[in-house]
Protein backbone atom coordinates (compact mmCIF):
# COMPACT_ATOMS: atom_id res chain seq x y z
CA UNK A 1 -0.02 -0.06 -0.04
CA UNK A 2 1.20 3.52 -0.70
CA UNK A 3 1.07 6.48 -3.01
CA UNK A 4 1.87 6.70 -6.74
CA UNK A 5 1.02 8.80 -9.70
CA UNK A 6 -0.68 8.02 -12.99
CA UNK A 7 0.92 9.85 -15.84
CA UNK A 8 -0.64 10.22 -19.20
CA UNK A 9 2.09 10.76 -21.89
CA UNK A 10 1.34 12.07 -25.36
CA UNK A 11 4.73 10.92 -26.49
CA UNK A 12 8.22 10.34 -24.82
CA UNK A 13 8.67 14.07 -24.01
CA UNK A 14 5.18 15.41 -23.15
CA UNK A 15 3.27 14.41 -20.15
CA UNK A 16 -0.22 15.83 -20.45
CA UNK A 17 -1.44 15.08 -16.97
CA UNK A 18 -0.50 13.48 -13.58
CA UNK A 19 -2.91 12.10 -11.04
CA UNK A 20 -1.99 11.20 -7.46
CA UNK A 21 -3.45 7.82 -6.39
CA UNK A 22 -3.47 5.66 -3.26
CA UNK A 23 -2.37 2.24 -4.49
CA UNK A 24 -2.46 -1.31 -3.22
CA UNK A 25 -0.28 -3.83 -5.00
CA UNK A 26 -0.27 -7.65 -4.46
CA UNK A 27 1.83 -10.25 -6.10
CA UNK A 28 1.32 -14.03 -6.40
CA UNK A 29 3.92 -16.73 -5.98
CA UNK A 30 5.13 -16.38 -9.58
CA UNK A 31 5.50 -12.68 -9.44
CA UNK A 32 2.30 -11.59 -11.32
CA UNK A 33 1.09 -8.43 -9.75
CA UNK A 34 -2.26 -6.76 -9.39
CA UNK A 35 -3.03 -3.28 -8.33
CA UNK A 36 -6.08 -1.31 -7.28
CA UNK A 37 -6.35 2.27 -6.13
CA UNK A 38 -8.27 5.45 -5.89
CA UNK A 39 -7.59 9.07 -6.64
CA UNK A 40 -5.63 10.48 -3.68
CA UNK A 41 -7.78 13.59 -3.89
CA UNK A 42 -11.27 14.23 -5.12
CA UNK A 43 -11.08 15.51 -8.69
CA UNK A 44 -12.63 18.90 -9.25
CA UNK A 45 -14.92 19.38 -12.31
CA UNK A 46 -11.98 20.45 -14.67
CA UNK A 47 -9.84 17.57 -13.47
CA UNK A 48 -12.70 15.07 -13.90
CA UNK A 49 -13.36 16.32 -17.39
CA UNK A 50 -9.63 15.86 -18.22
CA UNK A 51 -9.53 12.51 -16.62
CA UNK A 52 -12.59 11.24 -18.55
CA UNK A 53 -11.22 12.64 -21.83
CA UNK A 54 -7.86 10.78 -21.41
CA UNK A 55 -9.64 7.61 -20.35
CA UNK A 56 -11.87 7.68 -23.36
CA UNK A 57 -9.04 8.60 -25.79
CA UNK A 58 -6.51 5.92 -24.41
CA UNK A 59 -6.70 4.44 -20.93
CA UNK A 60 -3.02 3.71 -20.77
CA UNK A 61 -0.95 5.51 -18.15
CA UNK A 62 2.48 5.17 -16.63
CA UNK A 63 2.24 4.31 -12.92
CA UNK A 64 5.16 5.95 -11.13
CA UNK A 65 6.07 5.38 -7.46
CA UNK A 66 7.80 8.10 -5.40
CA UNK A 67 11.58 7.89 -5.63
CA UNK A 68 11.46 6.08 -9.03
CA UNK A 69 13.18 7.50 -12.07
CA UNK A 70 9.95 8.53 -13.71
CA UNK A 71 10.07 5.74 -16.28
CA UNK A 72 7.07 4.15 -14.75
CA UNK A 73 5.29 0.87 -15.74
CA UNK A 74 2.73 1.08 -18.60
CA UNK A 75 -0.68 0.07 -17.29
CA UNK A 76 -4.27 -0.02 -18.65
CA UNK A 77 -6.58 1.64 -16.21
CA UNK A 78 -10.19 0.61 -15.56
CA UNK A 79 -12.45 2.71 -13.37
CA UNK A 80 -15.62 1.41 -11.71
CA UNK A 81 -18.62 3.63 -10.96
CA UNK A 82 -17.56 3.87 -7.20
CA UNK A 83 -14.20 5.35 -8.33
CA UNK A 84 -12.07 2.18 -7.76
CA UNK A 85 -9.16 1.96 -10.23
CA UNK A 86 -7.72 -1.36 -11.40
CA UNK A 87 -4.38 -1.27 -13.04
CA UNK A 88 -3.29 -4.01 -15.42
CA UNK A 89 0.30 -4.11 -16.58
CA UNK A 90 0.68 -3.85 -20.43
CA UNK A 91 3.24 -6.49 -21.64
CA UNK A 92 6.26 -4.93 -23.45
CA UNK A 93 4.65 -1.55 -23.65
CA UNK A 94 1.94 -2.61 -26.11
CA UNK A 95 -1.65 -1.52 -26.00
CA UNK A 96 -1.54 2.24 -26.54
CA UNK A 97 -3.22 3.51 -29.65
CA UNK A 98 -2.12 6.33 -31.89
CA UNK A 99 -4.79 9.02 -32.29
CA UNK A 100 -4.54 12.15 -34.34
CA UNK A 101 -7.04 15.02 -33.90
CA UNK A 102 -7.30 18.72 -34.91
CA UNK A 103 -7.33 21.20 -32.07
CA UNK A 104 -8.12 24.13 -34.19
């Protein structure tokens, strides 16, 4: 149990958003881990809109623990209606999609 952040990276140089989470990680006897968590702080309206947008666009985040080198582990995030987050590791960094959209 502890704290971490979920970071949504647009590319290797641009992190669009970071969300603090309280996280619980468990591992089985072969080293497969599972993680659940919740946002450390209640998201305000603007933060919630940003979170929902990123989750809809691509629910893959880097989970970074304090003291780590910011490389993080790529995870797919699932959120239940009660706000519980489930983090599933993405093998070999696969799973993100490439999306292009016009901001003009």
